[in-house]
Protein backbone atom coordinates (compact mmCIF):
# COMPACT_ATOMS: atom_id res chain seq x y z
CA MET A 1 7.84 -29.11 -29.20
CA ILE A 2 9.51 -25.61 -28.27
CA ALA A 3 6.66 -23.35 -29.48
CA PRO A 4 4.30 -24.59 -26.62
CA LEU A 5 7.13 -23.22 -24.31
CA GLY A 6 7.58 -19.97 -25.78
CA THR A 7 3.57 -19.41 -25.75
CA LEU A 8 3.52 -19.74 -22.16
CA PRO A 9 5.76 -16.98 -21.38
CA PHE A 10 3.73 -14.70 -24.12
CA LEU A 11 0.56 -15.73 -22.05
CA ALA A 12 1.76 -14.91 -18.94
CA THR A 13 3.12 -11.57 -20.01
CA LEU A 14 0.07 -10.69 -21.97
CA TRP A 15 -1.70 -11.80 -18.79
CA LEU A 16 0.28 -9.10 -16.54
CA LEU A 17 -0.20 -6.41 -18.83
CA VAL A 18 -4.22 -6.70 -18.90
CA VAL A 19 -4.18 -7.00 -15.02
CA LEU A 20 -2.03 -3.68 -14.51
CA GLY A 21 -3.82 -2.19 -17.08
CA ALA A 22 -7.39 -3.35 -15.55
CA ALA A 23 -5.92 -1.73 -12.24
CA ILE A 24 -4.76 1.56 -13.82
CA LEU A 25 -7.66 2.36 -15.55
CA GLU A 26 -9.84 1.22 -12.07
CA GLU A 27 -7.92 3.70 -9.96
CA SER A 28 -8.04 6.57 -12.82
CA GLY A 29 -10.83 5.58 -14.83
CA ALA A 30 -13.50 8.06 -13.49
CA LYS A 31 -10.94 11.09 -14.06
CA ILE A 32 -10.44 9.74 -17.50
CA ALA A 33 -13.95 9.77 -18.64
CA ALA A 34 -14.48 12.82 -16.91
CA ALA A 35 -12.09 14.28 -19.12
CA LEU A 36 -13.58 12.78 -21.81
CA LYS A 37 -16.87 14.30 -21.45
CA GLY A 38 -15.34 17.73 -20.63
CA GLU A 39 -16.32 17.78 -17.20
CA PRO A 40 -14.19 18.83 -14.05
CA ALA A 41 -13.35 15.59 -12.18
CA ARG A 42 -14.60 14.96 -8.79
CA PRO A 43 -12.73 14.66 -6.10
CA LYS A 44 -13.08 11.60 -3.73
CA ALA A 45 -14.83 11.68 -0.52
CA VAL A 46 -12.30 12.59 2.24
CA THR A 47 -12.94 10.66 5.39
CA PRO A 48 -11.45 12.16 8.79
CA VAL A 49 -8.76 10.21 10.46
CA ARG A 50 -8.55 10.09 14.16
CA MET A 51 -5.35 10.07 15.94
CA ARG A 52 -4.49 8.56 18.86
CA ILE A 53 -2.21 10.05 21.27
CA ARG A 54 -0.55 7.91 23.93
CA THR A 55 -0.31 9.39 27.23
CA ARG A 56 3.09 9.87 28.61
CA THR A 57 4.09 6.86 30.62
CA PRO A 58 6.40 7.02 33.67
CA PRO A 59 10.09 6.12 33.25
CA PRO A 60 11.15 2.33 33.98
CA MET A 61 11.69 1.37 37.45
CA ARG A 62 15.04 0.06 38.43
CA ALA A 63 15.64 -2.27 40.62
CA GLU A 64 18.15 -1.01 43.24
CA GLN A 65 21.38 -3.20 43.49
CA ARG A 66 23.70 -3.55 46.03
CA TRP A 67 26.99 -4.43 45.07
CA ARG A 68 29.28 -6.68 47.41
CA ALA A 69 33.21 -6.99 47.49
CA ALA A 70 34.47 -9.98 46.23
CA ALA A 71 35.98 -12.33 48.84
């Protein structure tokens, strides 16, 4: 009965390692392949980013307060 319970964490750990390895290879697999072939790595295409600049907003308006003496 203990063997199946011990197998489950082992398989979960193995699955996690496979998923992490696939993510790493997906990100840098092209660089590794280019290095093994002896070719320079191709840089990724850079897309321009537009910056939005907010216009200056006026300071908040304050309500006029009139103080009265306590009667």
